């Protein structure tokens, strides 16, 4: 996790599924406790993400100030597809 001028980048790797959801929720809660102005989730090394995990990441964006949305950076095609199929891509920024 890096913090740069109010933006926090969280780097994730591996698979995000039911077995990692509690860890992900705790990690996101800790991150949001720092009150970032912008949240970037680097998912370049995530091989799989179920819709509940992606929904958790996107929902975390509701805690950002103003109309900020979480940024999902470098998602693998399978993660991008989950975002698209669920419509969650409309609630975040994809880079």
N, C-alpha and C. Protein backbone atom coordinates (compact mmCIF):
# COMPACT_ATOMS: atom_id res chain seq x y z
N UNK A 1 0.86 -1.17 0.00
CA UNK A 1 0.00 0.00 0.00
C UNK A 1 0.90 1.23 0.00
N UNK A 2 0.59 2.19 -0.86
CA UNK A 2 1.33 3.43 -0.90
C UNK A 2 0.38 4.59 -0.75
N UNK A 3 0.88 5.67 -0.19
CA UNK A 3 0.07 6.86 0.04
C UNK A 3 0.78 8.02 -0.62
N UNK A 4 0.13 8.66 -1.58
CA UNK A 4 0.74 9.76 -2.31
C UNK A 4 -0.26 10.91 -2.44
N UNK A 5 -0.06 11.96 -1.64
CA UNK A 5 -0.89 13.17 -1.72
C UNK A 5 -2.38 12.87 -1.63
N UNK A 6 -2.77 12.12 -0.68
CA UNK A 6 -4.18 11.82 -0.48
C UNK A 6 -4.69 10.63 -1.26
N UNK A 7 -3.88 10.10 -2.16
CA UNK A 7 -4.27 8.90 -2.91
C UNK A 7 -3.57 7.70 -2.31
N UNK A 8 -4.32 6.66 -2.07
CA UNK A 8 -3.74 5.42 -1.56
C UNK A 8 -3.88 4.36 -2.64
N UNK A 9 -2.79 3.67 -2.91
CA UNK A 9 -2.80 2.55 -3.85
C UNK A 9 -2.65 1.26 -3.07
N UNK A 10 -3.57 0.35 -3.28
CA UNK A 10 -3.53 -0.97 -2.67
C UNK A 10 -3.22 -1.97 -3.78
N UNK A 11 -2.17 -2.73 -3.61
CA UNK A 11 -1.77 -3.72 -4.60
C UNK A 11 -2.26 -5.08 -4.14
N UNK A 12 -3.07 -5.71 -4.98
CA UNK A 12 -3.62 -7.03 -4.67
C UNK A 12 -3.02 -8.07 -5.61
N UNK A 13 -3.00 -9.32 -5.16
CA UNK A 13 -2.51 -10.40 -6.00
C UNK A 13 -3.23 -11.69 -5.62
N UNK A 14 -3.13 -12.66 -6.50
CA UNK A 14 -3.75 -13.96 -6.24
C UNK A 14 -5.21 -13.98 -6.66
N UNK A 15 -5.98 -14.82 -6.01
CA UNK A 15 -7.41 -14.94 -6.29
C UNK A 15 -8.21 -14.27 -5.20
N UNK A 16 -9.24 -13.55 -5.60
CA UNK A 16 -10.16 -12.91 -4.66
C UNK A 16 -11.47 -13.67 -4.72
N UNK A 17 -11.72 -14.45 -3.68
CA UNK A 17 -12.92 -15.28 -3.65
C UNK A 17 -13.38 -15.39 -2.20
N UNK A 18 -14.25 -16.34 -1.94
CA UNK A 18 -14.82 -16.47 -0.60
C UNK A 18 -13.76 -16.70 0.47
N UNK A 19 -12.68 -17.37 0.11
CA UNK A 19 -11.65 -17.66 1.11
C UNK A 19 -10.80 -16.43 1.46
N UNK A 20 -10.79 -15.42 0.61
CA UNK A 20 -9.99 -14.22 0.89
C UNK A 20 -10.84 -13.00 1.22
N UNK A 21 -12.14 -13.15 1.20
CA UNK A 21 -13.03 -11.99 1.35
C UNK A 21 -12.88 -11.30 2.70
N UNK A 22 -12.74 -12.05 3.77
CA UNK A 22 -12.58 -11.43 5.09
C UNK A 22 -11.29 -10.60 5.13
N UNK A 23 -10.21 -11.17 4.59
CA UNK A 23 -8.94 -10.45 4.54
C UNK A 23 -9.09 -9.17 3.72
N UNK A 24 -9.75 -9.28 2.57
CA UNK A 24 -9.94 -8.11 1.71
C UNK A 24 -10.76 -7.04 2.41
N UNK A 25 -11.82 -7.44 3.07
CA UNK A 25 -12.66 -6.48 3.80
C UNK A 25 -11.87 -5.76 4.88
N UNK A 26 -11.04 -6.50 5.62
CA UNK A 26 -10.22 -5.88 6.66
C UNK A 26 -9.20 -4.92 6.07
N UNK A 27 -8.59 -5.33 4.99
CA UNK A 27 -7.58 -4.50 4.32
C UNK A 27 -8.21 -3.19 3.82
N UNK A 28 -9.37 -3.30 3.22
CA UNK A 28 -10.06 -2.10 2.73
C UNK A 28 -10.51 -1.20 3.88
N UNK A 29 -10.97 -1.79 4.97
CA UNK A 29 -11.37 -0.99 6.14
C UNK A 29 -10.17 -0.24 6.72
N UNK A 30 -9.04 -0.91 6.82
CA UNK A 30 -7.82 -0.25 7.30
C UNK A 30 -7.42 0.90 6.38
N UNK A 31 -7.52 0.65 5.11
CA UNK A 31 -7.17 1.67 4.12
C UNK A 31 -8.10 2.88 4.24
N UNK A 32 -9.38 2.63 4.33
CA UNK A 32 -10.33 3.74 4.41
C UNK A 32 -10.23 4.47 5.74
N UNK A 33 -9.69 3.81 6.76
CA UNK A 33 -9.44 4.48 8.04
C UNK A 33 -8.43 5.60 7.92
N UNK A 34 -7.64 5.58 6.86
CA UNK A 34 -6.67 6.64 6.61
C UNK A 34 -7.29 7.82 5.85
N UNK A 35 -8.56 7.72 5.56
CA UNK A 35 -9.34 8.76 4.90
C UNK A 35 -8.70 9.27 3.60
N UNK A 36 -8.47 8.37 2.66
CA UNK A 36 -7.87 8.80 1.39
C UNK A 36 -8.83 9.68 0.59
N UNK A 37 -8.26 10.54 -0.21
CA UNK A 37 -9.05 11.34 -1.15
C UNK A 37 -9.33 10.55 -2.42
N UNK A 38 -8.44 9.62 -2.70
CA UNK A 38 -8.54 8.79 -3.91
C UNK A 38 -8.05 7.39 -3.56
N UNK A 39 -8.73 6.37 -4.05
CA UNK A 39 -8.37 4.99 -3.78
C UNK A 39 -8.10 4.28 -5.10
N UNK A 40 -6.88 3.75 -5.24
CA UNK A 40 -6.49 3.02 -6.43
C UNK A 40 -6.23 1.57 -6.03
N UNK A 41 -6.89 0.66 -6.68
CA UNK A 41 -6.70 -0.77 -6.43
C UNK A 41 -5.96 -1.34 -7.64
N UNK A 42 -4.70 -1.71 -7.44
CA UNK A 42 -3.89 -2.30 -8.51
C UNK A 42 -4.18 -3.80 -8.54
N UNK A 43 -4.81 -4.25 -9.62
CA UNK A 43 -5.22 -5.64 -9.74
C UNK A 43 -4.47 -6.39 -10.83
N UNK A 44 -3.30 -5.89 -11.20
CA UNK A 44 -2.52 -6.51 -12.28
C UNK A 44 -2.16 -7.95 -11.98
N UNK A 45 -2.00 -8.28 -10.70
CA UNK A 45 -1.57 -9.63 -10.31
C UNK A 45 -2.73 -10.48 -9.77
N UNK A 46 -3.95 -10.03 -9.98
CA UNK A 46 -5.13 -10.79 -9.54
C UNK A 46 -5.56 -11.69 -10.70
N UNK A 47 -5.51 -13.00 -10.47
CA UNK A 47 -5.85 -13.97 -11.51
C UNK A 47 -7.34 -14.26 -11.60
N UNK A 48 -8.06 -14.04 -10.50
CA UNK A 48 -9.49 -14.30 -10.47
C UNK A 48 -10.11 -13.43 -9.39
N UNK A 49 -11.29 -12.91 -9.66
CA UNK A 49 -12.05 -12.17 -8.65
C UNK A 49 -13.52 -12.50 -8.82
N UNK A 50 -14.14 -12.99 -7.76
CA UNK A 50 -15.57 -13.27 -7.86
C UNK A 50 -16.35 -11.96 -7.73
N UNK A 51 -17.63 -12.01 -8.08
CA UNK A 51 -18.41 -10.78 -8.09
C UNK A 51 -18.57 -10.17 -6.71
N UNK A 52 -18.61 -10.98 -5.67
CA UNK A 52 -18.74 -10.44 -4.31
C UNK A 52 -17.50 -9.64 -3.90
N UNK A 53 -16.33 -10.12 -4.29
CA UNK A 53 -15.09 -9.40 -3.97
C UNK A 53 -15.01 -8.09 -4.74
N UNK A 54 -15.39 -8.14 -6.01
CA UNK A 54 -15.38 -6.91 -6.82
C UNK A 54 -16.41 -5.93 -6.27
N UNK A 55 -17.57 -6.43 -5.88
CA UNK A 55 -18.61 -5.57 -5.31
C UNK A 55 -18.11 -4.91 -4.02
N UNK A 56 -17.36 -5.64 -3.21
CA UNK A 56 -16.79 -5.10 -1.98
C UNK A 56 -15.83 -3.95 -2.29
N UNK A 57 -14.99 -4.13 -3.28
CA UNK A 57 -14.04 -3.08 -3.67
C UNK A 57 -14.79 -1.84 -4.15
N UNK A 58 -15.75 -2.05 -5.03
CA UNK A 58 -16.50 -0.92 -5.58
C UNK A 58 -17.31 -0.22 -4.49
N UNK A 59 -17.91 -0.98 -3.59
CA UNK A 59 -18.71 -0.40 -2.50
C UNK A 59 -17.85 0.45 -1.57
N UNK A 60 -16.59 0.11 -1.45
CA UNK A 60 -15.68 0.89 -0.61
C UNK A 60 -15.60 2.33 -1.13
N UNK A 61 -15.80 2.49 -2.42
CA UNK A 61 -15.79 3.82 -3.01
C UNK A 61 -16.83 4.76 -2.45
N UNK A 62 -17.88 4.23 -1.89
CA UNK A 62 -18.91 5.08 -1.28
C UNK A 62 -18.37 5.85 -0.08
N UNK A 63 -17.26 5.38 0.46
CA UNK A 63 -16.66 6.05 1.62
C UNK A 63 -15.68 7.14 1.21
N UNK A 64 -15.45 7.29 -0.08
CA UNK A 64 -14.56 8.33 -0.56
C UNK A 64 -15.28 9.68 -0.55
N UNK A 65 -14.53 10.76 -0.43
CA UNK A 65 -15.16 12.08 -0.39
C UNK A 65 -15.75 12.47 -1.74
N UNK A 66 -16.70 13.40 -1.67
CA UNK A 66 -17.32 13.97 -2.87
C UNK A 66 -17.88 12.87 -3.76
N UNK A 67 -17.65 13.01 -5.03
CA UNK A 67 -18.16 12.03 -5.99
C UNK A 67 -17.04 11.13 -6.50
N UNK A 68 -16.02 10.93 -5.69
CA UNK A 68 -14.90 10.10 -6.11
C UNK A 68 -15.34 8.65 -6.25
N UNK A 69 -14.71 7.98 -7.19
CA UNK A 69 -14.97 6.56 -7.39
C UNK A 69 -13.64 5.83 -7.26
N UNK A 70 -13.66 4.59 -6.81
CA UNK A 70 -12.41 3.86 -6.74
C UNK A 70 -11.86 3.61 -8.14
N UNK A 71 -10.54 3.57 -8.23
CA UNK A 71 -9.87 3.30 -9.49
C UNK A 71 -9.39 1.85 -9.45
N UNK A 72 -9.77 1.08 -10.43
CA UNK A 72 -9.26 -0.28 -10.55
C UNK A 72 -8.24 -0.25 -11.68
N UNK A 73 -7.01 -0.45 -11.28
CA UNK A 73 -5.89 -0.31 -12.20
C UNK A 73 -5.41 -1.66 -12.71
N UNK A 74 -5.21 -1.74 -14.00
CA UNK A 74 -4.61 -2.88 -14.68
C UNK A 74 -5.29 -4.23 -14.40
N UNK A 75 -6.63 -4.29 -14.43
CA UNK A 75 -7.27 -5.58 -14.18
C UNK A 75 -7.02 -6.56 -15.32
N UNK A 76 -6.84 -7.81 -14.97
CA UNK A 76 -6.71 -8.88 -15.96
C UNK A 76 -8.04 -9.00 -16.71
N UNK A 77 -8.04 -9.57 -17.91
CA UNK A 77 -9.29 -9.69 -18.68
C UNK A 77 -10.42 -10.38 -17.92
N UNK A 78 -10.11 -11.40 -17.12
CA UNK A 78 -11.17 -12.10 -16.37
C UNK A 78 -11.79 -11.17 -15.32
N UNK A 79 -11.00 -10.33 -14.71
CA UNK A 79 -11.53 -9.38 -13.71
C UNK A 79 -12.33 -8.30 -14.42
N UNK A 80 -11.81 -7.81 -15.52
CA UNK A 80 -12.52 -6.80 -16.31
C UNK A 80 -13.89 -7.34 -16.75
N UNK A 81 -13.92 -8.62 -17.11
CA UNK A 81 -15.19 -9.22 -17.54
C UNK A 81 -16.19 -9.26 -16.40
N UNK A 82 -15.76 -9.64 -15.20
CA UNK A 82 -16.66 -9.65 -14.04
C UNK A 82 -17.21 -8.24 -13.80
N UNK A 83 -16.36 -7.25 -13.89
CA UNK A 83 -16.81 -5.86 -13.72
C UNK A 83 -17.86 -5.50 -14.77
N UNK A 84 -17.60 -5.88 -15.99
CA UNK A 84 -18.52 -5.54 -17.08
C UNK A 84 -19.85 -6.28 -16.97
N UNK A 85 -19.79 -7.59 -16.75
CA UNK A 85 -21.01 -8.40 -16.69
C UNK A 85 -21.92 -7.98 -15.54
N UNK A 86 -21.33 -7.59 -14.43
CA UNK A 86 -22.12 -7.19 -13.26
C UNK A 86 -22.56 -5.73 -13.31
N UNK A 87 -22.00 -4.97 -14.25
CA UNK A 87 -22.32 -3.54 -14.31
C UNK A 87 -21.54 -2.70 -13.33
N UNK A 88 -20.65 -3.33 -12.58
CA UNK A 88 -19.87 -2.60 -11.58
C UNK A 88 -18.82 -1.70 -12.22
N UNK A 89 -18.53 -1.94 -13.49
CA UNK A 89 -17.57 -1.07 -14.18
C UNK A 89 -18.09 0.37 -14.29
N UNK A 90 -19.38 0.56 -14.15
CA UNK A 90 -19.98 1.90 -14.20
C UNK A 90 -19.78 2.66 -12.89
N UNK A 91 -19.38 1.95 -11.83
CA UNK A 91 -19.24 2.57 -10.52
C UNK A 91 -17.80 2.79 -10.11
N UNK A 92 -16.88 2.56 -11.05
CA UNK A 92 -15.46 2.75 -10.76
C UNK A 92 -14.77 3.26 -12.01
N UNK A 93 -13.52 3.64 -11.83
CA UNK A 93 -12.70 4.02 -12.99
C UNK A 93 -11.79 2.85 -13.31
N UNK A 94 -11.72 2.49 -14.57
CA UNK A 94 -10.82 1.42 -14.99
C UNK A 94 -9.65 2.04 -15.75
N UNK A 95 -8.45 1.68 -15.34
CA UNK A 95 -7.26 2.19 -16.04
C UNK A 95 -6.38 1.04 -16.44
